[in-house]
Amino acid sequence: MKTISVAVSEADYEVFRQAARAQERPIAQLIREAMSVYRAERLEARTPLTEIPTLPGHRLIGQLPSRAEVYAEMFGERWTPGS
C-alpha cells in the first residue's frame, strides 16, 4: 500500500469522522473505499453496452433505448432532456 497525505475541508473531515465512528471503522478505511469506488465509477474505461457481443446465434430483438428514454423511464416527470 502507498501512503499519501491529503488536505480536506473541515466539513468533509467531520462527516467522515462521524461515519467512521458510527461504523466502528478507521477514517482511512472509509477514504480508501471512497477512492476505490471513484476509480471504478469514473476513471476506469468501460465497454459501452452496444459493443458487448451477444451470445453466438443470438441477436437483439430490437433497438436499445436512447439515454433519454432510459432516464424518462427511471425518473418520469422529474427528468427533462438536458438536465
PDB file of N, CA and C in Angstrom:
ATOM      1  N   MET A   1       0.841  -1.180   0.000  1.00  0.00           N
ATOM      2  CA  MET A   1       0.000   0.000   0.000  1.00  0.00           C
ATOM      3  C   MET A   1       0.883   1.238   0.000  1.00  0.00           C
ATOM      4  N   LYS A   2       0.436   2.253  -0.706  1.00  0.00           N
ATOM      5  CA  LYS A   2       1.146   3.519  -0.809  1.00  0.00           C
ATOM      6  C   LYS A   2       0.547   4.505   0.177  1.00  0.00           C
ATOM      7  N   THR A   3       1.394   5.208   0.919  1.00  0.00           N
ATOM      8  CA  THR A   3       0.935   6.211   1.870  1.00  0.00           C
ATOM      9  C   THR A   3       0.886   7.564   1.182  1.00  0.00           C
ATOM     10  N   ILE A   4      -0.230   8.286   1.374  1.00  0.00           N
ATOM     11  CA  ILE A   4      -0.360   9.628   0.815  1.00  0.00           C
ATOM     12  C   ILE A   4      -0.800  10.582   1.911  1.00  0.00           C
ATOM     13  N   SER A   5      -0.609  11.861   1.658  1.00  0.00           N
ATOM     14  CA  SER A   5      -1.066  12.897   2.578  1.00  0.00           C
ATOM     15  C   SER A   5      -1.984  13.813   1.794  1.00  0.00           C
ATOM     16  N   VAL A   6      -3.138  14.098   2.342  1.00  0.00           N
ATOM     17  CA  VAL A   6      -4.108  14.921   1.623  1.00  0.00           C
ATOM     18  C   VAL A   6      -4.794  15.868   2.604  1.00  0.00           C
ATOM     19  N   ALA A   7      -5.018  17.106   2.156  1.00  0.00           N
ATOM     20  CA  ALA A   7      -5.741  18.082   2.969  1.00  0.00           C
ATOM     21  C   ALA A   7      -7.214  18.044   2.576  1.00  0.00           C
ATOM     22  N   VAL A   8      -8.092  18.042   3.557  1.00  0.00           N
ATOM     23  CA  VAL A   8      -9.534  18.013   3.308  1.00  0.00           C
ATOM     24  C   VAL A   8     -10.202  19.148   4.076  1.00  0.00           C
ATOM     25  N   SER A   9     -11.393  19.505   3.643  1.00  0.00           N
ATOM     26  CA  SER A   9     -12.126  20.562   4.339  1.00  0.00           C
ATOM     27  C   SER A   9     -12.579  20.058   5.708  1.00  0.00           C
ATOM     28  N   GLU A  10     -12.817  20.993   6.584  1.00  0.00           N
ATOM     29  CA  GLU A  10     -13.312  20.644   7.924  1.00  0.00           C
ATOM     30  C   GLU A  10     -14.635  19.890   7.831  1.00  0.00           C
ATOM     31  N   ALA A  11     -15.507  20.334   6.910  1.00  0.00           N
ATOM     32  CA  ALA A  11     -16.822  19.695   6.772  1.00  0.00           C
ATOM     33  C   ALA A  11     -16.678  18.246   6.314  1.00  0.00           C
ATOM     34  N   ASP A  12     -15.839  18.005   5.300  1.00  0.00           N
ATOM     35  CA  ASP A  12     -15.634  16.641   4.821  1.00  0.00           C
ATOM     36  C   ASP A  12     -15.033  15.765   5.912  1.00  0.00           C
ATOM     37  N   TYR A  13     -14.045  16.311   6.618  1.00  0.00           N
ATOM     38  CA  TYR A  13     -13.406  15.535   7.680  1.00  0.00           C
ATOM     39  C   TYR A  13     -14.431  15.149   8.751  1.00  0.00           C
ATOM     40  N   GLU A  14     -15.269  16.090   9.133  1.00  0.00           N
ATOM     41  CA  GLU A  14     -16.245  15.827  10.186  1.00  0.00           C
ATOM     42  C   GLU A  14     -17.245  14.750   9.762  1.00  0.00           C
ATOM     43  N   VAL A  15     -17.703  14.804   8.512  1.00  0.00           N
ATOM     44  CA  VAL A  15     -18.644  13.801   8.019  1.00  0.00           C
ATOM     45  C   VAL A  15     -17.992  12.420   8.032  1.00  0.00           C
ATOM     46  N   PHE A  16     -16.753  12.331   7.551  1.00  0.00           N
ATOM     47  CA  PHE A  16     -16.055  11.045   7.545  1.00  0.00           C
ATOM     48  C   PHE A  16     -15.758  10.574   8.967  1.00  0.00           C
ATOM     49  N   ARG A  17     -15.417  11.510   9.861  1.00  0.00           N
ATOM     50  CA  ARG A  17     -15.140  11.122  11.247  1.00  0.00           C
ATOM     51  C   ARG A  17     -16.383  10.516  11.893  1.00  0.00           C
ATOM     52  N   GLN A  18     -17.525  11.159  11.689  1.00  0.00           N
ATOM     53  CA  GLN A  18     -18.770  10.650  12.265  1.00  0.00           C
ATOM     54  C   GLN A  18     -19.150   9.301  11.651  1.00  0.00           C
ATOM     55  N   ALA A  19     -18.987   9.154  10.342  1.00  0.00           N
ATOM     56  CA  ALA A  19     -19.307   7.889   9.678  1.00  0.00           C
ATOM     57  C   ALA A  19     -18.383   6.777  10.183  1.00  0.00           C
ATOM     58  N   ALA A  20     -17.118   7.094  10.344  1.00  0.00           N
ATOM     59  CA  ALA A  20     -16.157   6.099  10.829  1.00  0.00           C
ATOM     60  C   ALA A  20     -16.514   5.664  12.249  1.00  0.00           C
ATOM     61  N   ARG A  21     -16.869   6.596  13.064  1.00  0.00           N
ATOM     62  CA  ARG A  21     -17.251   6.268  14.439  1.00  0.00           C
ATOM     63  C   ARG A  21     -18.517   5.400  14.455  1.00  0.00           C
ATOM     64  N   ALA A  22     -19.509   5.768  13.638  1.00  0.00           N
ATOM     65  CA  ALA A  22     -20.771   5.025  13.594  1.00  0.00           C
ATOM     66  C   ALA A  22     -20.565   3.599  13.090  1.00  0.00           C
ATOM     67  N   GLN A  23     -19.624   3.426  12.156  1.00  0.00           N
ATOM     68  CA  GLN A  23     -19.373   2.108  11.575  1.00  0.00           C
ATOM     69  C   GLN A  23     -18.253   1.357  12.295  1.00  0.00           C
ATOM     70  N   GLU A  24     -17.680   2.011  13.303  1.00  0.00           N
ATOM     71  CA  GLU A  24     -16.567   1.431  14.065  1.00  0.00           C
ATOM     72  C   GLU A  24     -15.443   0.986  13.128  1.00  0.00           C
ATOM     73  N   ARG A  25     -15.072   1.910  12.236  1.00  0.00           N
ATOM     74  CA  ARG A  25     -14.001   1.673  11.273  1.00  0.00           C
ATOM     75  C   ARG A  25     -13.084   2.888  11.273  1.00  0.00           C
ATOM     76  N   PRO A  26     -11.834   2.723  10.887  1.00  0.00           N
ATOM     77  CA  PRO A  26     -10.943   3.882  10.780  1.00  0.00           C
ATOM     78  C   PRO A  26     -11.337   4.795   9.612  1.00  0.00           C
ATOM     79  N   ILE A  27     -11.107   6.097   9.770  1.00  0.00           N
ATOM     80  CA  ILE A  27     -11.383   7.042   8.704  1.00  0.00           C
ATOM     81  C   ILE A  27     -10.607   6.639   7.442  1.00  0.00           C
ATOM     82  N   ALA A  28      -9.370   6.227   7.604  1.00  0.00           N
ATOM     83  CA  ALA A  28      -8.540   5.849   6.458  1.00  0.00           C
ATOM     84  C   ALA A  28      -9.197   4.741   5.641  1.00  0.00           C
ATOM     85  N   GLN A  29      -9.856   3.811   6.309  1.00  0.00           N
ATOM     86  CA  GLN A  29     -10.519   2.720   5.591  1.00  0.00           C
ATOM     87  C   GLN A  29     -11.676   3.267   4.758  1.00  0.00           C
ATOM     88  N   LEU A  30     -12.426   4.218   5.298  1.00  0.00           N
ATOM     89  CA  LEU A  30     -13.527   4.823   4.545  1.00  0.00           C
ATOM     90  C   LEU A  30     -13.000   5.589   3.334  1.00  0.00           C
ATOM     91  N   ILE A  31     -11.895   6.295   3.510  1.00  0.00           N
ATOM     92  CA  ILE A  31     -11.323   7.062   2.406  1.00  0.00           C
ATOM     93  C   ILE A  31     -10.788   6.128   1.328  1.00  0.00           C
ATOM     94  N   ARG A  32     -10.129   5.040   1.726  1.00  0.00           N
ATOM     95  CA  ARG A  32      -9.660   4.060   0.730  1.00  0.00           C
ATOM     96  C   ARG A  32     -10.833   3.490  -0.055  1.00  0.00           C
ATOM     97  N   GLU A  33     -11.923   3.179   0.636  1.00  0.00           N
ATOM     98  CA  GLU A  33     -13.115   2.649  -0.028  1.00  0.00           C
ATOM     99  C   GLU A  33     -13.702   3.682  -0.986  1.00  0.00           C
ATOM    100  N   ALA A  34     -13.768   4.945  -0.560  1.00  0.00           N
ATOM    101  CA  ALA A  34     -14.296   6.012  -1.415  1.00  0.00           C
ATOM    102  C   ALA A  34     -13.429   6.182  -2.660  1.00  0.00           C
ATOM    103  N   MET A  35     -12.114   6.093  -2.504  1.00  0.00           N
ATOM    104  CA  MET A  35     -11.216   6.207  -3.650  1.00  0.00           C
ATOM    105  C   MET A  35     -11.415   5.043  -4.620  1.00  0.00           C
ATOM    106  N   SER A  36     -11.615   3.855  -4.097  1.00  0.00           N
ATOM    107  CA  SER A  36     -11.841   2.685  -4.958  1.00  0.00           C
ATOM    108  C   SER A  36     -13.131   2.824  -5.753  1.00  0.00           C
ATOM    109  N   VAL A  37     -14.178   3.300  -5.096  1.00  0.00           N
ATOM    110  CA  VAL A  37     -15.460   3.498  -5.775  1.00  0.00           C
ATOM    111  C   VAL A  37     -15.308   4.562  -6.862  1.00  0.00           C
ATOM    112  N   TYR A  38     -14.639   5.666  -6.554  1.00  0.00           N
ATOM    113  CA  TYR A  38     -14.425   6.734  -7.531  1.00  0.00           C
ATOM    114  C   TYR A  38     -13.643   6.204  -8.724  1.00  0.00           C
ATOM    115  N   ARG A  39     -12.596   5.444  -8.457  1.00  0.00           N
ATOM    116  CA  ARG A  39     -11.789   4.882  -9.545  1.00  0.00           C
ATOM    117  C   ARG A  39     -12.648   3.992 -10.446  1.00  0.00           C
ATOM    118  N   ALA A  40     -13.425   3.102  -9.833  1.00  0.00           N
ATOM    119  CA  ALA A  40     -14.246   2.161 -10.601  1.00  0.00           C
ATOM    120  C   ALA A  40     -15.330   2.879 -11.406  1.00  0.00           C
ATOM    121  N   GLU A  41     -15.924   3.918 -10.838  1.00  0.00           N
ATOM    122  CA  GLU A  41     -17.044   4.588 -11.500  1.00  0.00           C
ATOM    123  C   GLU A  41     -16.625   5.684 -12.464  1.00  0.00           C
ATOM    124  N   ARG A  42     -15.494   6.326 -12.212  1.00  0.00           N
ATOM    125  CA  ARG A  42     -15.142   7.498 -13.006  1.00  0.00           C
ATOM    126  C   ARG A  42     -13.860   7.375 -13.828  1.00  0.00           C
ATOM    127  N   LEU A  43     -12.926   6.552 -13.392  1.00  0.00           N
ATOM    128  CA  LEU A  43     -11.617   6.548 -14.033  1.00  0.00           C
ATOM    129  C   LEU A  43     -11.358   5.355 -14.942  1.00  0.00           C
ATOM    130  N   GLU A  44     -11.945   4.214 -14.612  1.00  0.00           N
ATOM    131  CA  GLU A  44     -11.680   3.024 -15.406  1.00  0.00           C
ATOM    132  C   GLU A  44     -12.568   3.000 -16.649  1.00  0.00           C
ATOM    133  N   ALA A  45     -11.977   2.612 -17.757  1.00  0.00           N
ATOM    134  CA  ALA A  45     -12.706   2.551 -19.018  1.00  0.00           C
ATOM    135  C   ALA A  45     -13.772   1.463 -18.953  1.00  0.00           C
ATOM    136  N   ARG A  46     -14.906   1.767 -19.542  1.00  0.00           N
ATOM    137  CA  ARG A  46     -15.999   0.804 -19.603  1.00  0.00           C
ATOM    138  C   ARG A  46     -16.358   0.540 -21.051  1.00  0.00           C
ATOM    139  N   THR A  47     -16.778  -0.661 -21.316  1.00  0.00           N
ATOM    140  CA  THR A  47     -17.226  -1.011 -22.658  1.00  0.00           C
ATOM    141  C   THR A  47     -18.698  -0.636 -22.789  1.00  0.00           C
ATOM    142  N   PRO A  48     -19.034   0.176 -23.804  1.00  0.00           N
ATOM    143  CA  PRO A  48     -20.450   0.510 -23.995  1.00  0.00           C
ATOM    144  C   PRO A  48     -21.271  -0.766 -24.228  1.00  0.00           C
ATOM    145  N   LEU A  49     -22.481  -0.789 -23.733  1.00  0.00           N
ATOM    146  CA  LEU A  49     -23.340  -1.958 -23.883  1.00  0.00           C
ATOM    147  C   LEU A  49     -23.520  -2.361 -25.335  1.00  0.00           C
ATOM    148  N   THR A  50     -23.537  -1.376 -26.216  1.00  0.00           N
ATOM    149  CA  THR A  50     -23.731  -1.689 -27.631  1.00  0.00           C
ATOM    150  C   THR A  50     -22.540  -2.417 -28.236  1.00  0.00           C
ATOM    151  N   GLU A  51     -21.385  -2.403 -27.566  1.00  0.00           N
ATOM    152  CA  GLU A  51     -20.197  -3.081 -28.080  1.00  0.00           C
ATOM    153  C   GLU A  51     -19.950  -4.443 -27.432  1.00  0.00           C
ATOM    154  N   ILE A  52     -20.753  -4.816 -26.452  1.00  0.00           N
ATOM    155  CA  ILE A  52     -20.606  -6.120 -25.807  1.00  0.00           C
ATOM    156  C   ILE A  52     -21.271  -7.153 -26.710  1.00  0.00           C
ATOM    157  N   PRO A  53     -20.542  -8.167 -27.122  1.00  0.00           N
ATOM    158  CA  PRO A  53     -21.134  -9.143 -28.037  1.00  0.00           C
ATOM    159  C   PRO A  53     -22.254  -9.944 -27.377  1.00  0.00           C
ATOM    160  N   THR A  54     -23.240 -10.287 -28.183  1.00  0.00           N
ATOM    161  CA  THR A  54     -24.313 -11.144 -27.688  1.00  0.00           C
ATOM    162  C   THR A  54     -23.850 -12.592 -27.782  1.00  0.00           C
ATOM    163  N   LEU A  55     -24.613 -13.501 -27.231  1.00  0.00           N
ATOM    164  CA  LEU A  55     -24.266 -14.918 -27.307  1.00  0.00           C
ATOM    165  C   LEU A  55     -24.280 -15.380 -28.755  1.00  0.00           C
ATOM    166  N   PRO A  56     -23.398 -16.288 -29.115  1.00  0.00           N
ATOM    167  CA  PRO A  56     -23.392 -16.782 -30.509  1.00  0.00           C
ATOM    168  C   PRO A  56     -24.776 -17.315 -30.886  1.00  0.00           C
ATOM    169  N   GLY A  57     -25.229 -16.916 -32.060  1.00  0.00           N
ATOM    170  CA  GLY A  57     -26.530 -17.380 -32.535  1.00  0.00           C
ATOM    171  C   GLY A  57     -27.687 -16.538 -32.032  1.00  0.00           C
ATOM    172  N   HIS A  58     -27.409 -15.538 -31.192  1.00  0.00           N
ATOM    173  CA  HIS A  58     -28.461 -14.672 -30.673  1.00  0.00           C
ATOM    174  C   HIS A  58     -28.269 -13.267 -31.234  1.00  0.00           C
ATOM    175  N   ARG A  59     -29.342 -12.540 -31.313  1.00  0.00           N
ATOM    176  CA  ARG A  59     -29.270 -11.162 -31.763  1.00  0.00           C
ATOM    177  C   ARG A  59     -30.296 -10.350 -30.983  1.00  0.00           C
ATOM    178  N   LEU A  60     -30.121  -9.051 -31.017  1.00  0.00           N
ATOM    179  CA  LEU A  60     -31.075  -8.172 -30.352  1.00  0.00           C
ATOM    180  C   LEU A  60     -32.434  -8.292 -31.017  1.00  0.00           C
ATOM    181  N   ILE A  61     -33.487  -8.231 -30.231  1.00  0.00           N
ATOM    182  CA  ILE A  61     -34.835  -8.313 -30.806  1.00  0.00           C
ATOM    183  C   ILE A  61     -35.352  -6.930 -31.178  1.00  0.00           C
ATOM    184  N   GLY A  62     -34.608  -5.907 -30.799  1.00  0.00           N
ATOM    185  CA  GLY A  62     -34.998  -4.544 -31.143  1.00  0.00           C
ATOM    186  C   GLY A  62     -33.864  -3.599 -30.821  1.00  0.00           C
ATOM    187  N   GLN A  63     -34.053  -2.332 -31.141  1.00  0.00           N
ATOM    188  CA  GLN A  63     -33.039  -1.326 -30.848  1.00  0.00           C
ATOM    189  C   GLN A  63     -32.983  -1.055 -29.352  1.00  0.00           C
ATOM    190  N   LEU A  64     -31.785  -0.762 -28.869  1.00  0.00           N
ATOM    191  CA  LEU A  64     -31.648  -0.372 -27.477  1.00  0.00           C
ATOM    192  C   LEU A  64     -32.266   1.012 -27.289  1.00  0.00           C
ATOM    193  N   PRO A  65     -32.843   1.280 -26.110  1.00  0.00           N
ATOM    194  CA  PRO A  65     -33.439   2.600 -25.886  1.00  0.00           C
ATOM    195  C   PRO A  65     -32.355   3.670 -25.813  1.00  0.00           C
ATOM    196  N   SER A  66     -32.736   4.893 -26.118  1.00  0.00           N
ATOM    197  CA  SER A  66     -31.806   6.017 -26.014  1.00  0.00           C
ATOM    198  C   SER A  66     -31.619   6.365 -24.538  1.00  0.00           C
ATOM    199  N   ARG A  67     -30.597   7.133 -24.268  1.00  0.00           N
ATOM    200  CA  ARG A  67     -30.345   7.590 -22.894  1.00  0.00           C
ATOM    201  C   ARG A  67     -31.556   8.357 -22.372  1.00  0.00           C
ATOM    202  N   ALA A  68     -32.134   9.216 -23.210  1.00  0.00           N
ATOM    203  CA  ALA A  68     -33.306   9.991 -22.800  1.00  0.00           C
ATOM    204  C   ALA A  68     -34.470   9.079 -22.432  1.00  0.00           C
ATOM    205  N   GLU A  69     -34.681   8.021 -23.212  1.00  0.00           N
ATOM    206  CA  GLU A  69     -35.769   7.084 -22.917  1.00  0.00           C
ATOM    207  C   GLU A  69     -35.531   6.344 -21.602  1.00  0.00           C
ATOM    208  N   VAL A  70     -34.294   5.967 -21.353  1.00  0.00           N
ATOM    209  CA  VAL A  70     -33.973   5.274 -20.100  1.00  0.00           C
ATOM    210  C   VAL A  70     -34.210   6.201 -18.915  1.00  0.00           C
ATOM    211  N   TYR A  71     -33.712   7.455 -19.018  1.00  0.00           N
ATOM    212  CA  TYR A  71     -33.903   8.404 -17.920  1.00  0.00           C
ATOM    213  C   TYR A  71     -35.380   8.711 -17.700  1.00  0.00           C
ATOM    214  N   ALA A  72     -36.118   8.861 -18.780  1.00  0.00           N
ATOM    215  CA  ALA A  72     -37.547   9.140 -18.648  1.00  0.00           C
ATOM    216  C   ALA A  72     -38.256   7.999 -17.932  1.00  0.00           C
ATOM    217  N   GLU A  73     -37.861   6.763 -18.247  1.00  0.00           N
ATOM    218  CA  GLU A  73     -38.475   5.621 -17.577  1.00  0.00           C
ATOM    219  C   GLU A  73     -38.076   5.566 -16.103  1.00  0.00           C
ATOM    220  N   MET A  74     -36.816   5.887 -15.814  1.00  0.00           N
ATOM    221  CA  MET A  74     -36.335   5.824 -14.432  1.00  0.00           C
ATOM    222  C   MET A  74     -36.918   6.939 -13.563  1.00  0.00           C
ATOM    223  N   PHE A  75     -36.928   8.171 -14.114  1.00  0.00           N
ATOM    224  CA  PHE A  75     -37.274   9.331 -13.303  1.00  0.00           C
ATOM    225  C   PHE A  75     -38.621   9.944 -13.640  1.00  0.00           C
ATOM    226  N   GLY A  76     -39.231   9.517 -14.707  1.00  0.00           N
ATOM    227  CA  GLY A  76     -40.556  10.012 -15.075  1.00  0.00           C
ATOM    228  C   GLY A  76     -40.588  11.510 -15.261  1.00  0.00           C
ATOM    229  N   GLU A  77     -41.547  12.149 -14.652  1.00  0.00           N
ATOM    230  CA  GLU A  77     -41.765  13.581 -14.807  1.00  0.00           C
ATOM    231  C   GLU A  77     -40.623  14.417 -14.238  1.00  0.00           C
ATOM    232  N   ARG A  78     -39.834  13.859 -13.338  1.00  0.00           N
ATOM    233  CA  ARG A  78     -38.777  14.625 -12.693  1.00  0.00           C
ATOM    234  C   ARG A  78     -37.602  14.906 -13.617  1.00  0.00           C
ATOM    235  N   TRP A  79     -37.502  14.209 -14.755  1.00  0.00           N
ATOM    236  CA  TRP A  79     -36.360  14.357 -15.654  1.00  0.00           C
ATOM    237  C   TRP A  79     -36.768  15.034 -16.946  1.00  0.00           C
ATOM    238  N   THR A  80     -35.949  15.956 -17.412  1.00  0.00           N
ATOM    239  CA  THR A  80     -36.162  16.559 -18.719  1.00  0.00           C
ATOM    240  C   THR A  80     -34.836  16.509 -19.479  1.00  0.00           C
ATOM    241  N   PRO A  81     -34.869  16.371 -20.789  1.00  0.00           N
ATOM    242  CA  PRO A  81     -33.620  16.330 -21.565  1.00  0.00           C
ATOM    243  C   PRO A  81     -32.755  17.557 -21.276  1.00  0.00           C
ATOM    244  N   GLY A  82     -31.452  17.328 -21.165  1.00  0.00           N
ATOM    245  CA  GLY A  82     -30.519  18.411 -20.911  1.00  0.00           C
ATOM    246  C   GLY A  82     -30.310  18.707 -19.437  1.00  0.00           C
ATOM    247  N   SER A  83     -31.014  18.029 -18.548  1.00  0.00           N
ATOM    248  CA  SER A  83     -30.831  18.305 -17.113  1.00  0.00           C
ATOM    249  C   SER A  83     -29.830  17.362 -16.519  1.00  0.00           C
TER     250      SER A  83
END
